PDB file of N, CA and C in Angstrom:
ATOM      1  N   MET A   1     126.854  80.574  79.279  1.00  0.00           N
ATOM      2  CA  MET A   1     127.349  79.848  80.418  1.00  0.00           C
ATOM      3  C   MET A   1     126.363  80.031  81.578  1.00  0.00           C
ATOM      4  N   LYS A   2     126.108  78.950  82.302  1.00  0.00           N
ATOM      5  CA  LYS A   2     125.203  78.989  83.439  1.00  0.00           C
ATOM      6  C   LYS A   2     125.987  78.737  84.721  1.00  0.00           C
ATOM      7  N   THR A   3     125.703  79.548  85.737  1.00  0.00           N
ATOM      8  CA  THR A   3     126.317  79.386  87.048  1.00  0.00           C
ATOM      9  C   THR A   3     125.199  79.211  88.065  1.00  0.00           C
ATOM     10  N   LEU A   4     125.178  78.066  88.731  1.00  0.00           N
ATOM     11  CA  LEU A   4     124.179  77.804  89.752  1.00  0.00           C
ATOM     12  C   LEU A   4     124.513  78.610  90.996  1.00  0.00           C
ATOM     13  N   LEU A   5     123.586  79.443  91.428  1.00  0.00           N
ATOM     14  CA  LEU A   5     123.805  80.290  92.601  1.00  0.00           C
ATOM     15  C   LEU A   5     123.159  79.716  93.851  1.00  0.00           C
ATOM     16  N   LYS A   6     121.997  79.103  93.674  1.00  0.00           N
ATOM     17  CA  LYS A   6     121.250  78.573  94.820  1.00  0.00           C
ATOM     18  C   LYS A   6     120.446  77.379  94.339  1.00  0.00           C
ATOM     19  N   ASN A   7     120.447  76.324  95.125  1.00  0.00           N
ATOM     20  CA  ASN A   7     119.652  75.152  94.782  1.00  0.00           C
ATOM     21  C   ASN A   7     119.084  74.558  96.060  1.00  0.00           C
ATOM     22  N   ASP A   8     118.083  75.273  96.617  1.00  0.00           N
ATOM     23  CA  ASP A   8     117.398  74.773  97.808  1.00  0.00           C
ATOM     24  C   ASP A   8     116.362  73.748  97.374  1.00  0.00           C
ATOM     25  N   SER A   9     115.626  73.260  98.325  1.00  0.00           N
ATOM     26  CA  SER A   9     114.648  72.210  98.021  1.00  0.00           C
ATOM     27  C   SER A   9     113.597  72.655  97.005  1.00  0.00           C
ATOM     28  N   ASP A  10     113.169  73.910  97.061  1.00  0.00           N
ATOM     29  CA  ASP A  10     112.089  74.361  96.182  1.00  0.00           C
ATOM     30  C   ASP A  10     112.485  75.491  95.231  1.00  0.00           C
ATOM     31  N   ILE A  11     113.631  76.140  95.478  1.00  0.00           N
ATOM     32  CA  ILE A  11     114.030  77.285  94.662  1.00  0.00           C
ATOM     33  C   ILE A  11     115.423  77.055  94.084  1.00  0.00           C
ATOM     34  N   ARG A  12     115.539  77.334  92.790  1.00  0.00           N
ATOM     35  CA  ARG A  12     116.822  77.214  92.098  1.00  0.00           C
ATOM     36  C   ARG A  12     117.094  78.550  91.403  1.00  0.00           C
ATOM     37  N   GLN A  13     118.262  79.122  91.682  1.00  0.00           N
ATOM     38  CA  GLN A  13     118.636  80.387  91.058  1.00  0.00           C
ATOM     39  C   GLN A  13     119.917  80.178  90.244  1.00  0.00           C
ATOM     40  N   THR A  14     119.885  80.699  89.021  1.00  0.00           N
ATOM     41  CA  THR A  14     120.991  80.515  88.099  1.00  0.00           C
ATOM     42  C   THR A  14     121.337  81.857  87.463  1.00  0.00           C
ATOM     43  N   LEU A  15     122.620  82.104  87.287  1.00  0.00           N
ATOM     44  CA  LEU A  15     123.099  83.276  86.563  1.00  0.00           C
ATOM     45  C   LEU A  15     123.525  82.804  85.183  1.00  0.00           C
ATOM     46  N   VAL A  16     122.931  83.376  84.160  1.00  0.00           N
ATOM     47  CA  VAL A  16     123.226  82.980  82.784  1.00  0.00           C
ATOM     48  C   VAL A  16     123.963  84.133  82.114  1.00  0.00           C
ATOM     49  N   THR A  17     125.138  83.829  81.567  1.00  0.00           N
ATOM     50  CA  THR A  17     125.912  84.842  80.853  1.00  0.00           C
ATOM     51  C   THR A  17     125.922  84.508  79.373  1.00  0.00           C
ATOM     52  N   ASP A  18     125.916  85.546  78.565  1.00  0.00           N
ATOM     53  CA  ASP A  18     125.928  85.398  77.108  1.00  0.00           C
ATOM     54  C   ASP A  18     127.368  85.559  76.633  1.00  0.00           C
ATOM     55  N   ASN A  19     127.949  84.507  76.087  1.00  0.00           N
ATOM     56  CA  ASN A  19     129.339  84.553  75.645  1.00  0.00           C
ATOM     57  C   ASN A  19     129.569  85.553  74.519  1.00  0.00           C
ATOM     58  N   SER A  20     128.541  85.888  73.759  1.00  0.00           N
ATOM     59  CA  SER A  20     128.697  86.837  72.659  1.00  0.00           C
ATOM     60  C   SER A  20     128.564  88.289  73.112  1.00  0.00           C
ATOM     61  N   ASP A  21     128.095  88.503  74.348  1.00  0.00           N
ATOM     62  CA  ASP A  21     127.906  89.862  74.868  1.00  0.00           C
ATOM     63  C   ASP A  21     128.259  89.874  76.347  1.00  0.00           C
ATOM     64  N   ASP A  22     129.444  90.404  76.668  1.00  0.00           N
ATOM     65  CA  ASP A  22     129.930  90.403  78.062  1.00  0.00           C
ATOM     66  C   ASP A  22     129.058  91.227  78.999  1.00  0.00           C
ATOM     67  N   ASP A  23     128.279  92.155  78.465  1.00  0.00           N
ATOM     68  CA  ASP A  23     127.448  93.012  79.304  1.00  0.00           C
ATOM     69  C   ASP A  23     126.071  92.417  79.592  1.00  0.00           C
ATOM     70  N   ARG A  24     125.786  91.259  79.029  1.00  0.00           N
ATOM     71  CA  ARG A  24     124.453  90.676  79.191  1.00  0.00           C
ATOM     72  C   ARG A  24     124.482  89.551  80.224  1.00  0.00           C
ATOM     73  N   LEU A  25     123.742  89.761  81.306  1.00  0.00           N
ATOM     74  CA  LEU A  25     123.570  88.756  82.363  1.00  0.00           C
ATOM     75  C   LEU A  25     122.077  88.552  82.585  1.00  0.00           C
ATOM     76  N   THR A  26     121.699  87.328  82.829  1.00  0.00           N
ATOM     77  CA  THR A  26     120.306  87.023  83.135  1.00  0.00           C
ATOM     78  C   THR A  26     120.264  86.219  84.421  1.00  0.00           C
ATOM     79  N   PHE A  27     119.465  86.677  85.351  1.00  0.00           N
ATOM     80  CA  PHE A  27     119.281  85.997  86.623  1.00  0.00           C
ATOM     81  C   PHE A  27     117.970  85.237  86.539  1.00  0.00           C
ATOM     82  N   VAL A  28     118.027  83.925  86.644  1.00  0.00           N
ATOM     83  CA  VAL A  28     116.851  83.079  86.479  1.00  0.00           C
ATOM     84  C   VAL A  28     116.500  82.415  87.815  1.00  0.00           C
ATOM     85  N   THR A  29     115.253  82.570  88.238  1.00  0.00           N
ATOM     86  CA  THR A  29     114.768  81.907  89.439  1.00  0.00           C
ATOM     87  C   THR A  29     113.653  80.953  89.034  1.00  0.00           C
ATOM     88  N   GLU A  30     113.784  79.702  89.471  1.00  0.00           N
ATOM     89  CA  GLU A  30     112.757  78.688  89.224  1.00  0.00           C
ATOM     90  C   GLU A  30     112.277  78.185  90.576  1.00  0.00           C
ATOM     91  N   GLN A  31     110.994  77.902  90.676  1.00  0.00           N
ATOM     92  CA  GLN A  31     110.444  77.445  91.939  1.00  0.00           C
ATOM     93  C   GLN A  31     109.477  76.295  91.709  1.00  0.00           C
ATOM     94  N   ASN A  32     109.604  75.270  92.527  1.00  0.00           N
ATOM     95  CA  ASN A  32     108.661  74.159  92.533  1.00  0.00           C
ATOM     96  C   ASN A  32     107.425  74.625  93.314  1.00  0.00           C
ATOM     97  N   LEU A  33     106.299  74.731  92.637  1.00  0.00           N
ATOM     98  CA  LEU A  33     105.087  75.263  93.260  1.00  0.00           C
ATOM     99  C   LEU A  33     104.243  74.204  93.957  1.00  0.00           C
ATOM    100  N   ASP A  34     104.555  72.941  93.761  1.00  0.00           N
ATOM    101  CA  ASP A  34     103.751  71.875  94.376  1.00  0.00           C
ATOM    102  C   ASP A  34     103.620  72.008  95.889  1.00  0.00           C
ATOM    103  N   PRO A  35     104.712  72.276  96.645  1.00  0.00           N
ATOM    104  CA  PRO A  35     104.547  72.417  98.100  1.00  0.00           C
ATOM    105  C   PRO A  35     103.634  73.578  98.486  1.00  0.00           C
ATOM    106  N   ILE A  36     103.693  74.671  97.747  1.00  0.00           N
ATOM    107  CA  ILE A  36     102.828  75.818  98.041  1.00  0.00           C
ATOM    108  C   ILE A  36     101.376  75.452  97.776  1.00  0.00           C
ATOM    109  N   LEU A  37     101.125  74.800  96.656  1.00  0.00           N
ATOM    110  CA  LEU A  37      99.748  74.429  96.311  1.00  0.00           C
ATOM    111  C   LEU A  37      99.160  73.446  97.316  1.00  0.00           C
ATOM    112  N   ARG A  38      99.970  72.496  97.782  1.00  0.00           N
ATOM    113  CA  ARG A  38      99.494  71.560  98.822  1.00  0.00           C
ATOM    114  C   ARG A  38      99.211  72.291 100.124  1.00  0.00           C
ATOM    115  N   SER A  39     100.116  73.216 100.488  1.00  0.00           N
ATOM    116  CA  SER A  39      99.939  73.980 101.722  1.00  0.00           C
ATOM    117  C   SER A  39      98.674  74.829 101.667  1.00  0.00           C
ATOM    118  N   VAL A  40      98.436  75.484 100.548  1.00  0.00           N
ATOM    119  CA  VAL A  40      97.235  76.308 100.390  1.00  0.00           C
ATOM    120  C   VAL A  40      95.984  75.455 100.537  1.00  0.00           C
ATOM    121  N   ALA A  41      95.963  74.302  99.886  1.00  0.00           N
ATOM    122  CA  ALA A  41      94.788  73.418  99.968  1.00  0.00           C
ATOM    123  C   ALA A  41      94.548  72.984 101.411  1.00  0.00           C
ATOM    124  N   LEU A  42      95.601  72.622 102.118  1.00  0.00           N
ATOM    125  CA  LEU A  42      95.464  72.192 103.515  1.00  0.00           C
ATOM    126  C   LEU A  42      95.001  73.345 104.395  1.00  0.00           C
ATOM    127  N   ARG A  43      95.597  74.509 104.212  1.00  0.00           N
ATOM    128  CA  ARG A  43      95.219  75.663 105.033  1.00  0.00           C
ATOM    129  C   ARG A  43      93.773  76.076 104.767  1.00  0.00           C
ATOM    130  N   ARG A  44      93.336  75.963 103.532  1.00  0.00           N
ATOM    131  CA  ARG A  44      91.953  76.296 103.170  1.00  0.00           C
ATOM    132  C   ARG A  44      90.974  75.436 103.974  1.00  0.00           C
ATOM    133  N   GLU A  45      91.356  74.184 104.199  1.00  0.00           N
ATOM    134  CA  GLU A  45      90.488  73.251 104.910  1.00  0.00           C
ATOM    135  C   GLU A  45      90.581  73.359 106.429  1.00  0.00           C
ATOM    136  N   THR A  46      91.747  73.751 106.963  1.00  0.00           N
ATOM    137  CA  THR A  46      91.969  73.641 108.403  1.00  0.00           C
ATOM    138  C   THR A  46      92.021  74.950 109.178  1.00  0.00           C
ATOM    139  N   GLU A  47      92.302  76.068 108.520  1.00  0.00           N
ATOM    140  CA  GLU A  47      92.463  77.317 109.267  1.00  0.00           C
ATOM    141  C   GLU A  47      91.150  78.042 109.458  1.00  0.00           C
ATOM    142  N   ASN A  48      91.111  78.837 110.514  1.00  0.00           N
ATOM    143  CA  ASN A  48      89.966  79.694 110.777  1.00  0.00           C
ATOM    144  C   ASN A  48      90.045  80.874 109.815  1.00  0.00           C
ATOM    145  N   LEU A  49      89.105  80.952 108.904  1.00  0.00           N
ATOM    146  CA  LEU A  49      89.133  82.002 107.897  1.00  0.00           C
ATOM    147  C   LEU A  49      88.092  83.083 108.177  1.00  0.00           C
ATOM    148  N   GLN A  50      87.723  83.226 109.445  1.00  0.00           N
ATOM    149  CA  GLN A  50      86.768  84.239 109.878  1.00  0.00           C
ATOM    150  C   GLN A  50      87.529  85.404 110.496  1.00  0.00           C
ATOM    151  N   GLY A  51      86.884  86.547 110.587  1.00  0.00           N
ATOM    152  CA  GLY A  51      87.473  87.704 111.243  1.00  0.00           C
ATOM    153  C   GLY A  51      88.282  88.569 110.286  1.00  0.00           C
ATOM    154  N   ASP A  52      88.837  89.644 110.850  1.00  0.00           N
ATOM    155  CA  ASP A  52      89.568  90.616 110.037  1.00  0.00           C
ATOM    156  C   ASP A  52      90.983  90.168 109.683  1.00  0.00           C
ATOM    157  N   PHE A  53      91.611  89.409 110.545  1.00  0.00           N
ATOM    158  CA  PHE A  53      92.998  88.995 110.324  1.00  0.00           C
ATOM    159  C   PHE A  53      93.035  87.516 109.964  1.00  0.00           C
ATOM    160  N   ARG A  54      92.916  87.254 108.687  1.00  0.00           N
ATOM    161  CA  ARG A  54      92.919  85.879 108.201  1.00  0.00           C
ATOM    162  C   ARG A  54      93.938  85.781 107.064  1.00  0.00           C
ATOM    163  N   PRO A  55      94.496  84.612 106.870  1.00  0.00           N
ATOM    164  CA  PRO A  55      95.435  84.457 105.760  1.00  0.00           C
ATOM    165  C   PRO A  55      94.665  84.538 104.436  1.00  0.00           C
ATOM    166  N   VAL A  56      95.229  85.251 103.497  1.00  0.00           N
ATOM    167  CA  VAL A  56      94.564  85.438 102.213  1.00  0.00           C
ATOM    168  C   VAL A  56      95.185  84.547 101.143  1.00  0.00           C
ATOM    169  N   ALA A  57      96.521  84.504 101.085  1.00  0.00           N
ATOM    170  CA  ALA A  57      97.177  83.753 100.012  1.00  0.00           C
ATOM    171  C   ALA A  57      98.620  83.449 100.394  1.00  0.00           C
ATOM    172  N   GLU A  58      99.174  82.481  99.698  1.00  0.00           N
ATOM    173  CA  GLU A  58     100.614  82.238  99.742  1.00  0.00           C
ATOM    174  C   GLU A  58     101.134  82.614  98.364  1.00  0.00           C
ATOM    175  N   ILE A  59     101.924  83.683  98.315  1.00  0.00           N
ATOM    176  CA  ILE A  59     102.443  84.155  97.038  1.00  0.00           C
ATOM    177  C   ILE A  59     103.839  83.572  96.849  1.00  0.00           C
ATOM    178  N   PRO A  60     104.065  82.846  95.769  1.00  0.00           N
ATOM    179  CA  PRO A  60     105.373  82.230  95.530  1.00  0.00           C
ATOM    180  C   PRO A  60     106.493  83.269  95.435  1.00  0.00           C
ATOM    181  N   ALA A  61     107.677  82.884  95.865  1.00  0.00           N
ATOM    182  CA  ALA A  61     108.839  83.779  95.836  1.00  0.00           C
ATOM    183  C   ALA A  61     109.117  84.300  94.430  1.00  0.00           C
ATOM    184  N   VAL A  62     108.924  83.464  93.414  1.00  0.00           N
ATOM    185  CA  VAL A  62     109.191  83.912  92.043  1.00  0.00           C
ATOM    186  C   VAL A  62     108.212  85.009  91.630  1.00  0.00           C
ATOM    187  N   VAL A  63     106.999  84.961  92.124  1.00  0.00           N
ATOM    188  CA  VAL A  63     106.015  86.002  91.825  1.00  0.00           C
ATOM    189  C   VAL A  63     106.375  87.276  92.573  1.00  0.00           C
ATOM    190  N   VAL A  64     106.756  87.152  93.841  1.00  0.00           N
ATOM    191  CA  VAL A  64     107.166  88.327  94.621  1.00  0.00           C
ATOM    192  C   VAL A  64     108.360  88.999  93.949  1.00  0.00           C
ATOM    193  N   GLU A  65     109.321  88.203  93.515  1.00  0.00           N
ATOM    194  CA  GLU A  65     110.504  88.737  92.837  1.00  0.00           C
ATOM    195  C   GLU A  65     110.106  89.529  91.591  1.00  0.00           C
ATOM    196  N   GLN A  66     109.210  88.978  90.788  1.00  0.00           N
ATOM    197  CA  GLN A  66     108.743  89.667  89.584  1.00  0.00           C
ATOM    198  C   GLN A  66     108.010  90.960  89.947  1.00  0.00           C
ATOM    199  N   MET A  67     107.159  90.893  90.977  1.00  0.00           N
ATOM    200  CA  MET A  67     106.411  92.075  91.393  1.00  0.00           C
ATOM    201  C   MET A  67     107.338  93.157  91.933  1.00  0.00           C
ATOM    202  N   MET A  68     108.415  92.765  92.585  1.00  0.00           N
ATOM    203  CA  MET A  68     109.385  93.751  93.070  1.00  0.00           C
ATOM    204  C   MET A  68     110.082  94.433  91.892  1.00  0.00           C
ATOM    205  N   ARG A  69     110.383  93.639  90.858  1.00  0.00           N
ATOM    206  CA  ARG A  69     111.033  94.217  89.676  1.00  0.00           C
ATOM    207  C   ARG A  69     110.117  95.195  88.939  1.00  0.00           C
ATOM    208  N   ASP A  70     108.836  94.839  88.822  1.00  0.00           N
ATOM    209  CA  ASP A  70     107.953  95.714  88.049  1.00  0.00           C
ATOM    210  C   ASP A  70     107.274  96.796  88.902  1.00  0.00           C
ATOM    211  N   GLY A  71     107.551  96.800  90.210  1.00  0.00           N
ATOM    212  CA  GLY A  71     107.036  97.850  91.084  1.00  0.00           C
ATOM    213  C   GLY A  71     105.673  97.586  91.689  1.00  0.00           C
ATOM    214  N   SER A  72     105.053  96.470  91.343  1.00  0.00           N
ATOM    215  CA  SER A  72     103.702  96.220  91.848  1.00  0.00           C
ATOM    216  C   SER A  72     103.673  95.679  93.279  1.00  0.00           C
ATOM    217  N   TRP A  73     104.795  95.194  93.792  1.00  0.00           N
ATOM    218  CA  TRP A  73     104.827  94.650  95.152  1.00  0.00           C
ATOM    219  C   TRP A  73     104.507  95.731  96.187  1.00  0.00           C
ATOM    220  N   ASN A  74     104.947  96.947  95.962  1.00  0.00           N
ATOM    221  CA  ASN A  74     104.698  98.044  96.908  1.00  0.00           C
ATOM    222  C   ASN A  74     103.502  98.900  96.499  1.00  0.00           C
ATOM    223  N   ASP A  75     102.705  98.408  95.585  1.00  0.00           N
ATOM    224  CA  ASP A  75     101.517  99.114  95.120  1.00  0.00           C
ATOM    225  C   ASP A  75     100.287  98.345  95.592  1.00  0.00           C
ATOM    226  N   PRO A  76      99.617  98.835  96.634  1.00  0.00           N
ATOM    227  CA  PRO A  76      98.469  98.109  97.184  1.00  0.00           C
ATOM    228  C   PRO A  76      97.392  97.784  96.138  1.00  0.00           C
ATOM    229  N   ALA A  77      97.149  98.678  95.210  1.00  0.00           N
ATOM    230  CA  ALA A  77      96.129  98.424  94.190  1.00  0.00           C
ATOM    231  C   ALA A  77      96.550  97.278  93.265  1.00  0.00           C
ATOM    232  N   ALA A  78      97.821  97.243  92.892  1.00  0.00           N
ATOM    233  CA  ALA A  78      98.319  96.172  92.022  1.00  0.00           C
ATOM    234  C   ALA A  78      98.308  94.830  92.750  1.00  0.00           C
ATOM    235  N   LEU A  79      98.679  94.835  94.028  1.00  0.00           N
ATOM    236  CA  LEU A  79      98.667  93.607  94.812  1.00  0.00           C
ATOM    237  C   LEU A  79      97.235  93.092  94.976  1.00  0.00           C
ATOM    238  N   LYS A  80      96.323  93.993  95.240  1.00  0.00           N
ATOM    239  CA  LYS A  80      94.902  93.630  95.362  1.00  0.00           C
ATOM    240  C   LYS A  80      94.399  93.037  94.042  1.00  0.00           C
ATOM    241  N   LYS A  81      94.781  93.653  92.933  1.00  0.00           N
ATOM    242  CA  LYS A  81      94.373  93.155  91.619  1.00  0.00           C
ATOM    243  C   LYS A  81      94.919  91.743  91.391  1.00  0.00           C
ATOM    244  N   TRP A  82      96.191  91.505  91.771  1.00  0.00           N
ATOM    245  CA  TRP A  82      96.784  90.178  91.607  1.00  0.00           C
ATOM    246  C   TRP A  82      96.036  89.152  92.468  1.00  0.00           C
ATOM    247  N   LEU A  83      95.753  89.505  93.708  1.00  0.00           N
ATOM    248  CA  LEU A  83      95.066  88.585  94.613  1.00  0.00           C
ATOM    249  C   LEU A  83      93.661  88.246  94.132  1.00  0.00           C
ATOM    250  N   ASN A  84      92.965  89.206  93.529  1.00  0.00           N
ATOM    251  CA  ASN A  84      91.593  88.987  93.078  1.00  0.00           C
ATOM    252  C   ASN A  84      91.510  88.396  91.665  1.00  0.00           C
ATOM    253  N   ASN A  85      92.637  88.260  90.989  1.00  0.00           N
ATOM    254  CA  ASN A  85      92.654  87.704  89.642  1.00  0.00           C
ATOM    255  C   ASN A  85      92.307  86.217  89.699  1.00  0.00           C
ATOM    256  N   PRO A  86      91.284  85.778  88.969  1.00  0.00           N
ATOM    257  CA  PRO A  86      90.890  84.363  88.997  1.00  0.00           C
ATOM    258  C   PRO A  86      92.021  83.397  88.609  1.00  0.00           C
ATOM    259  N   GLN A  87      92.976  83.861  87.806  1.00  0.00           N
ATOM    260  CA  GLN A  87      94.101  82.996  87.424  1.00  0.00           C
ATOM    261  C   GLN A  87      94.992  82.647  88.610  1.00  0.00           C
ATOM    262  N   ASN A  88      94.947  83.443  89.674  1.00  0.00           N
ATOM    263  CA  ASN A  88      95.788  83.214  90.848  1.00  0.00           C
ATOM    264  C   ASN A  88      95.028  82.540  91.984  1.00  0.00           C
ATOM    265  N   LYS A  89      93.846  82.047  91.691  1.00  0.00           N
ATOM    266  CA  LYS A  89      92.999  81.410  92.709  1.00  0.00           C
ATOM    267  C   LYS A  89      93.702  80.246  93.400  1.00  0.00           C
ATOM    268  N   CYS A  90      94.566  79.541  92.693  1.00  0.00           N
ATOM    269  CA  CYS A  90      95.245  78.379  93.280  1.00  0.00           C
ATOM    270  C   CYS A  90      96.149  78.765  94.447  1.00  0.00           C
ATOM    271  N   PHE A  91      96.513  80.044  94.572  1.00  0.00           N
ATOM    272  CA  PHE A  91      97.360  80.507  95.667  1.00  0.00           C
ATOM    273  C   PHE A  91      96.551  81.110  96.812  1.00  0.00           C
ATOM    274  N   ARG A  92      95.235  81.194  96.643  1.00  0.00           N
ATOM    275  CA  ARG A  92      94.372  81.812  97.637  1.00  0.00           C
ATOM    276  C   ARG A  92      93.992  80.828  98.731  1.00  0.00           C
ATOM    277  N   ILE A  93      94.112  81.258  99.962  1.00  0.00           N
ATOM    278  CA  ILE A  93      93.671  80.473 101.110  1.00  0.00           C
ATOM    279  C   ILE A  93      92.224  80.867 101.415  1.00  0.00           C
ATOM    280  N   TRP A  94      91.995  82.139 101.613  1.00  0.00           N
ATOM    281  CA  TRP A  94      90.648  82.676 101.800  1.00  0.00           C
ATOM    282  C   TRP A  94      90.166  83.108 100.422  1.00  0.00           C
ATOM    283  N   GLU A  95      89.004  82.680 100.024  1.00  0.00           N
ATOM    284  CA  GLU A  95      88.567  82.891  98.658  1.00  0.00           C
ATOM    285  C   GLU A  95      87.671  84.110  98.462  1.00  0.00           C
ATOM    286  N   GLY A  96      87.509  84.915  99.498  1.00  0.00           N
ATOM    287  CA  GLY A  96      86.694  86.118  99.353  1.00  0.00           C
ATOM    288  C   GLY A  96      87.395  87.195  98.534  1.00  0.00           C
ATOM    289  N   LYS A  97      86.706  88.292  98.291  1.00  0.00           N
ATOM    290  CA  LYS A  97      87.285  89.400  97.524  1.00  0.00           C
ATOM    291  C   LYS A  97      88.096  90.292  98.462  1.00  0.00           C
ATOM    292  N   VAL A  98      89.294  90.614  98.029  1.00  0.00           N
ATOM    293  CA  VAL A  98      90.196  91.475  98.819  1.00  0.00           C
ATOM    294  C   VAL A  98      89.845  92.915  98.544  1.00  0.00           C
TER     295      VAL A  98
END
């Protein structure tokens, strides 16, 4: 059984229960990444990316949620590794090495 918990413009959260196991619940978060990707592309072109305090990336809520679960959100080394990973380049505003 699925129960819709949140359905905002870009984020949908659903609670999924397993009818065969009353103790099993799954919390599912889905996010439309198109607005983030458009925003990153625009910011890359228009923002001042010089100096010490510059925007580095827009990290999607679903990624932050996963990182909080696995403990990497509060681990500076893990966050740095995620930001510098070439697979996450689409979320980077400033493209230098963190």
